[in-house]
Protein backbone atom coordinates (compact mmCIF):
# COMPACT_ATOMS: atom_id res chain seq x y z
CA UNK A 1 0.12 -0.27 0.28
CA UNK A 2 1.97 3.13 -1.27
CA UNK A 3 1.26 6.29 0.99
CA UNK A 4 -0.72 9.69 -0.82
CA UNK A 5 2.16 11.47 -2.22
CA UNK A 6 3.99 14.31 -0.60
CA UNK A 7 2.38 17.69 -2.29
CA UNK A 8 3.80 21.80 -2.14
CA UNK A 9 1.43 22.99 0.94
CA UNK A 10 1.18 20.08 2.93
CA UNK A 11 1.39 19.76 6.59
CA UNK A 12 4.81 17.79 8.23
CA UNK A 13 4.25 16.21 11.88
CA UNK A 14 7.49 15.18 13.58
CA UNK A 15 7.30 12.53 16.18
CA UNK A 16 9.83 11.03 18.90
CA UNK A 17 8.71 7.84 18.87
CA UNK A 18 12.41 6.62 20.49
CA UNK A 19 14.76 9.61 21.36
CA UNK A 20 12.94 12.83 22.29
CA UNK A 21 13.63 15.75 20.37
CA UNK A 22 15.54 17.12 23.39
CA UNK A 23 19.07 16.36 22.33
CA UNK A 24 18.91 18.14 19.51
CA UNK A 25 20.35 21.50 19.86
CA UNK A 26 17.79 24.61 19.05
CA UNK A 27 19.54 25.91 15.72
CA UNK A 28 19.37 22.62 14.42
CA UNK A 29 15.31 22.74 14.68
CA UNK A 30 15.38 25.80 13.81
CA UNK A 31 16.98 25.39 10.43
CA UNK A 32 15.18 22.21 10.09
CA UNK A 33 12.16 23.76 10.13
CA UNK A 34 12.67 27.08 8.06
CA UNK A 35 14.16 24.59 5.60
CA UNK A 36 11.08 21.98 5.45
CA UNK A 37 9.04 25.73 5.15
CA UNK A 38 11.05 26.94 2.06
CA UNK A 39 10.33 23.86 0.87
CA UNK A 40 6.79 24.47 1.09
CA UNK A 41 5.29 21.84 3.61
CA UNK A 42 3.93 23.75 6.48
CA UNK A 43 6.07 22.05 9.79
CA UNK A 44 4.04 20.51 13.21
CA UNK A 45 4.95 18.74 15.65
CA UNK A 46 3.95 15.75 18.23
CA UNK A 47 2.53 17.08 22.02
CA UNK A 48 5.26 15.46 22.96
CA UNK A 49 8.90 15.66 21.31
CA UNK A 50 10.37 17.74 23.96
CA UNK A 51 8.97 15.71 26.76
CA UNK A 52 11.85 12.95 28.48
CA UNK A 53 12.73 10.44 31.10
CA UNK A 54 16.74 9.80 32.99
CA UNK A 55 16.87 7.29 29.39
CA UNK A 56 16.09 10.92 27.31
CA UNK A 57 13.32 9.44 26.22
CA UNK A 58 9.36 10.65 25.94
CA UNK A 59 6.96 7.63 28.06
CA UNK A 60 5.53 4.95 25.86
CA UNK A 61 2.28 6.39 26.33
CA UNK A 62 3.03 10.22 24.86
CA UNK A 63 4.90 8.74 22.06
CA UNK A 64 1.75 6.63 21.17
CA UNK A 65 -0.02 9.44 21.43
CA UNK A 66 2.23 11.19 19.25
CA UNK A 67 1.98 8.42 17.04
CA UNK A 68 -1.56 8.00 16.92
CA UNK A 69 -2.57 12.01 16.72
CA UNK A 70 -0.37 12.43 13.64
CA UNK A 71 -1.75 9.24 11.76
CA UNK A 72 -5.61 10.35 12.89
CA UNK A 73 -5.01 13.83 11.94
CA UNK A 74 -6.03 14.55 8.62
CA UNK A 75 -4.37 17.81 7.27
CA UNK A 76 -0.97 15.42 8.22
CA UNK A 77 0.33 14.14 4.91
CA UNK A 78 3.83 13.18 6.63
CA UNK A 79 5.54 12.08 9.34
CA UNK A 80 9.10 13.00 10.11
CA UNK A 81 10.76 10.71 12.89
CA UNK A 82 13.17 13.98 15.25
CA UNK A 83 16.16 11.15 15.78
CA UNK A 84 16.88 7.53 16.35
CA UNK A 85 17.99 5.72 19.65
CA UNK A 86 17.40 2.44 21.28
CA UNK A 87 13.30 1.99 22.46
CA UNK A 88 10.93 2.36 19.49
CA UNK A 89 9.89 -1.49 20.01
CA UNK A 90 8.54 -0.75 22.99
CA UNK A 91 5.55 0.75 21.60
CA UNK A 92 5.14 -2.08 19.04
CA UNK A 93 2.60 -4.04 20.74
CA UNK A 94 0.26 -0.72 21.61
CA UNK A 95 0.11 0.25 18.30
CA UNK A 96 -3.10 0.60 16.88
CA UNK A 97 -2.35 -1.21 13.27
CA UNK A 98 -6.35 -0.39 11.45
CA UNK A 99 -5.83 3.79 12.46
CA UNK A 100 -2.49 3.27 10.33
CA UNK A 101 -4.37 0.80 8.02
CA UNK A 102 -7.14 3.03 7.67
CA UNK A 103 -5.45 6.90 7.57
CA UNK A 104 -2.07 6.00 5.31
CA UNK A 105 0.14 8.45 4.91
CA UNK A 106 4.18 9.03 4.47
CA UNK A 107 6.50 7.99 7.38
CA UNK A 108 10.63 8.69 6.96
CA UNK A 109 13.29 7.95 8.88
CA UNK A 110 15.72 5.65 10.20
CA UNK A 111 18.06 4.15 12.24
CA UNK A 112 15.95 2.73 15.14
CA UNK A 113 12.76 3.69 13.44
CA UNK A 114 13.47 0.27 11.29
CA UNK A 115 11.10 -1.16 14.07
CA UNK A 116 8.20 1.10 13.55
CA UNK A 117 8.90 0.55 9.67
CA UNK A 118 9.28 -2.72 9.34
CA UNK A 119 6.12 -3.84 12.24
CA UNK A 120 3.66 -1.42 9.93
CA UNK A 121 5.00 -2.79 7.04
CA UNK A 122 3.96 -6.55 8.59
CA UNK A 123 0.92 -5.77 9.98
CA UNK A 124 -0.99 -4.05 7.37
CA UNK A 125 1.00 -3.75 3.89
CA UNK A 126 2.09 0.10 4.13
CA UNK A 127 5.05 0.90 2.67
CA UNK A 128 7.37 3.57 5.21
CA UNK A 129 10.67 5.21 3.92
CA UNK A 130 13.89 4.53 5.24
CA UNK A 131 15.33 8.32 4.82
CA UNK A 132 16.57 11.42 6.59
CA UNK A 133 15.13 12.31 10.03
CA UNK A 134 13.60 15.56 11.32
CA UNK A 135 16.86 16.59 12.81
CA UNK A 136 18.99 15.93 9.03
CA UNK A 137 16.89 19.00 7.66
CA UNK A 138 19.23 20.81 10.38
CA UNK A 139 22.06 20.40 8.73
CA UNK A 140 23.64 23.61 7.61
CA UNK A 141 25.80 21.76 4.62
CA UNK A 142 22.99 19.98 3.70
CA UNK A 143 23.97 17.45 0.70
CA UNK A 144 21.50 17.58 -2.74
CA UNK A 145 21.96 14.24 -3.26
CA UNK A 146 19.91 13.96 0.09
CA UNK A 147 16.64 17.01 -0.60
CA UNK A 148 16.69 15.42 -4.55
CA UNK A 149 16.41 11.57 -2.97
CA UNK A 150 14.01 12.20 -0.56
CA UNK A 151 11.77 14.54 -3.51
CA UNK A 152 12.12 11.69 -5.82
CA UNK A 153 10.65 9.06 -3.34
CA UNK A 154 8.07 10.26 -1.64
CA UNK A 155 6.69 13.57 -4.50
CA UNK A 156 6.08 10.51 -7.23
CA UNK A 157 5.53 7.35 -7.85
CA UNK A 158 8.09 6.99 -10.57
CA UNK A 159 10.83 4.76 -10.81
CA UNK A 160 14.45 5.72 -9.83
CA UNK A 161 17.81 4.66 -9.64
CA UNK A 162 19.55 4.39 -6.21
CA UNK A 163 23.14 5.84 -7.24
CA UNK A 164 25.79 6.57 -5.77
CA UNK A 165 26.82 10.08 -4.47
CA UNK A 166 29.37 11.95 -5.33
CA UNK A 167 31.41 12.62 -1.85
CA UNK A 168 30.57 11.39 1.74
CA UNK A 169 31.17 12.16 5.20
CA UNK A 170 30.92 10.39 8.40
CA UNK A 171 32.19 13.22 10.65
CA UNK A 172 29.59 14.78 13.81
CA UNK A 173 28.06 17.65 12.21
CA UNK A 174 25.29 17.78 15.28
CA UNK A 175 28.46 18.94 17.10
CA UNK A 176 30.05 21.15 14.82
CA UNK A 177 28.34 22.29 11.33
CA UNK A 178 31.25 24.42 10.07
CA UNK A 179 34.07 21.60 10.67
CA UNK A 180 33.06 19.39 7.73
CA UNK A 181 34.65 16.46 6.53
CA UNK A 182 33.87 14.70 3.23
CA UNK A 183 35.42 12.11 1.28
CA UNK A 184 35.42 11.51 -2.25
CA UNK A 185 32.73 8.25 -3.10
CA UNK A 186 34.42 5.63 -4.78
CA UNK A 187 30.91 4.21 -6.33
CA UNK A 188 29.28 0.64 -4.97
CA UNK A 189 31.59 -2.13 -4.44
CA UNK A 190 30.19 -5.09 -5.97
CA UNK A 191 30.94 -8.01 -3.77
CA UNK A 192 29.30 -10.73 -5.49
CA UNK A 193 27.65 -10.34 -9.78
CA UNK A 194 24.39 -11.18 -10.29
CA UNK A 195 20.77 -9.99 -11.70
CA UNK A 196 17.82 -9.97 -8.75
CA UNK A 197 14.32 -8.36 -8.11
CA UNK A 198 12.31 -8.43 -4.89
CA UNK A 199 10.73 -6.45 -2.02
CA UNK A 200 12.68 -4.47 -0.56
CA UNK A 201 12.91 -5.20 3.67
CA UNK A 202 15.60 -4.13 5.48
CA UNK A 203 16.57 -1.25 7.69
CA UNK A 204 19.42 -1.03 10.64
CA UNK A 205 20.50 -4.35 10.95
CA UNK A 206 20.39 -5.06 14.75
CA UNK A 207 17.46 -3.10 15.31
CA UNK A 208 15.84 -5.83 12.63
CA UNK A 209 17.44 -8.28 15.17
CA UNK A 210 14.70 -7.22 17.81
CA UNK A 211 11.68 -8.56 15.77
CA UNK A 212 13.02 -11.71 15.00
CA UNK A 213 11.04 -14.56 16.09
CA UNK A 214 7.85 -11.82 16.92
CA UNK A 215 4.97 -10.99 14.99
CA UNK A 216 6.55 -7.90 13.70
CA UNK A 217 9.30 -9.19 11.71
CA UNK A 218 8.66 -9.08 7.96
CA UNK A 219 9.15 -12.51 5.43
CA UNK A 220 12.32 -11.84 3.99
CA UNK A 221 10.95 -14.80 1.16
CA UNK A 222 11.82 -12.92 -1.70
CA UNK A 223 13.11 -9.98 -0.47
CA UNK A 224 16.17 -7.90 -1.20
CA UNK A 225 17.15 -6.80 2.17
CA UNK A 226 19.12 -3.89 3.07
CA UNK A 227 20.93 -3.39 5.63
CA UNK A 228 23.11 -1.17 7.51
CA UNK A 229 25.12 -0.28 11.26
CA UNK A 230 26.31 2.20 13.12
CA UNK A 231 29.65 2.90 14.74
CA UNK A 232 28.87 0.78 17.51
CA UNK A 233 29.01 -2.92 15.74
CA UNK A 234 32.05 -3.97 14.58
CA UNK A 235 33.52 -6.62 12.34
CA UNK A 236 32.22 -9.87 14.62
CA UNK A 237 29.38 -8.01 15.97
CA UNK A 238 28.30 -7.50 12.54
CA UNK A 239 29.21 -10.77 11.07
CA UNK A 240 27.12 -12.40 13.87
CA UNK A 241 24.08 -10.24 13.59
CA UNK A 242 23.41 -10.79 10.11
CA UNK A 243 24.38 -14.73 10.47
CA UNK A 244 20.77 -14.38 12.84
CA UNK A 245 19.03 -12.89 9.94
CA UNK A 246 20.30 -14.97 7.29
CA UNK A 247 18.81 -18.64 9.55
CA UNK A 248 15.43 -17.45 9.83
CA UNK A 249 13.83 -20.14 7.71
CA UNK A 250 12.52 -17.64 5.05
CA UNK A 251 15.95 -16.35 4.28
CA UNK A 252 16.88 -19.86 2.20
CA UNK A 253 14.90 -17.34 -0.58
CA UNK A 254 16.53 -13.65 -0.67
CA UNK A 255 17.33 -12.49 -3.73
CA UNK A 256 20.42 -10.12 -2.68
CA UNK A 257 21.49 -7.56 -0.36
CA UNK A 258 22.71 -4.23 -0.13
CA UNK A 259 24.87 -3.28 2.56
CA UNK A 260 25.40 0.60 3.59
CA UNK A 261 28.43 2.15 4.40
CA UNK A 262 29.85 2.00 7.72
CA UNK A 263 31.38 4.56 8.88
CA UNK A 264 34.29 4.71 9.84
CA UNK A 265 34.91 4.44 13.60
CA UNK A 266 33.14 0.76 13.00
CA UNK A 267 36.30 -0.11 11.42
CA UNK A 268 34.68 -2.49 8.89
CA UNK A 269 36.79 -2.12 6.52
CA UNK A 270 35.83 -3.65 3.13
CA UNK A 271 38.51 -6.00 2.72
CA UNK A 272 37.38 -7.26 5.76
CA UNK A 273 33.55 -6.91 4.66
CA UNK A 274 34.42 -8.85 1.29
CA UNK A 275 36.02 -11.86 3.10
CA UNK A 276 33.21 -12.14 5.78
CA UNK A 277 30.31 -12.46 3.31
CA UNK A 278 32.55 -14.57 1.08
CA UNK A 279 32.59 -17.12 4.34
CA UNK A 280 28.94 -17.74 4.08
CA UNK A 281 28.22 -20.89 1.89
CA UNK A 282 24.28 -19.07 2.33
CA UNK A 283 25.16 -15.64 0.16
CA UNK A 284 26.94 -18.18 -3.10
CA UNK A 285 24.26 -17.56 -5.59
CA UNK A 286 22.88 -13.82 -4.89
CA UNK A 287 23.75 -10.23 -5.75
CA UNK A 288 25.73 -8.64 -3.28
CA UNK A 289 26.45 -4.74 -2.66
CA UNK A 290 27.98 -2.32 -0.72
CA UNK A 291 28.88 0.89 0.21
CA UNK A 292 24.84 2.09 -1.08
CA UNK A 293 24.14 5.43 0.67
CA UNK A 294 22.20 4.80 3.37
CA UNK A 295 22.56 4.59 7.13
CA UNK A 296 24.21 6.49 10.12
CA UNK A 297 26.88 8.20 6.55
CA UNK A 298 25.87 11.22 5.13
CA UNK A 299 23.96 11.83 2.19
CA UNK A 300 21.35 9.40 2.95
CA UNK A 301 19.10 8.16 -0.03
CA UNK A 302 15.46 7.38 0.64
CA UNK A 303 13.79 4.61 -0.52
CA UNK A 304 10.66 2.36 0.70
CA UNK A 305 10.53 -0.06 2.71
CA UNK A 306 8.11 -2.86 0.68
CA UNK A 307 8.82 -0.64 -2.75
CA UNK A 308 10.76 -3.24 -5.23
CA UNK A 309 13.98 -3.11 -6.37
CA UNK A 310 15.88 -4.44 -9.84
CA UNK A 311 19.51 -5.30 -8.98
CA UNK A 312 21.95 -6.19 -11.55
CA UNK A 313 25.65 -6.32 -10.62
CA UNK A 314 28.46 -7.11 -13.13
CA UNK A 315 32.03 -6.09 -12.63
CA UNK A 316 32.59 -2.58 -11.51
CA UNK A 317 29.55 -1.60 -12.56
CA UNK A 318 26.34 -2.42 -10.10
CA UNK A 319 22.56 -0.38 -10.77
CA UNK A 320 19.37 -0.61 -8.34
CA UNK A 321 16.07 0.54 -9.59
CA UNK A 322 13.74 0.93 -7.38
CA UNK A 323 9.76 1.11 -8.11
CA UNK A 324 7.23 2.45 -5.24
CA UNK A 325 4.41 0.38 -7.38
């Protein structure tokens, strides 16, 4: 189920289903609001986005209230998450999935928000979007790649290509907006050649692992699996987290794997990643592409969880085409 497309003049609601927006600097909130308004949207905020406890998160009731109100409000056309965190899976058993099904709209975010997105897709088939948080729009030097990808995915339903950015960064830009470090992007890394097509399922890997064995985990049968992790991950933790996912019964019918670029702090090198993946016989006959612009590096692509992808990886060339309908 594809949510209605975003249009100029639409209201965009910001909610914080994981960590509170209170940790986001006021200047960053101001800039993000101004930027979205400059794109022609009206920005509103959930009543509890700045509430927090000792874990810097609002209560389950407060976060659920903001989520449900955003979907129920007919004026709201898209929902952006403020930021990621660790605990959005606390909400899953109490979400009104029928409310969401009857009021389909865009939900965009990444990282810990993966739990919400996969649960919603599993429960009612609504396509959600892995893409920038509201706080991402608070970058002074926001990449055109991120902005264009956001609009391409959310304002029309035409197919599009997920191309590599020209540059990338993993600096802590939110600590110092004026001192940024960018690297030339060598493009997608083809780890295993092949062609495939299937449903896009995935997001943050360690968050996906939280859903295994629950009623909120979508099937991996016929899926193009997209995974990424942040700098808290390292080679061995990524290896075992991925292995756990591959041991799900329907993972035997995976069609391809796309892997987001790792932050330098994870110390996951391309050599280690290639060795790790080549050592998995379960993956011996499907295409694998790494260094995709999804996850915790900048810029970030926007792609539909539950959409459809056609993958081709030959030599050093990788093509990723996305269909939303």
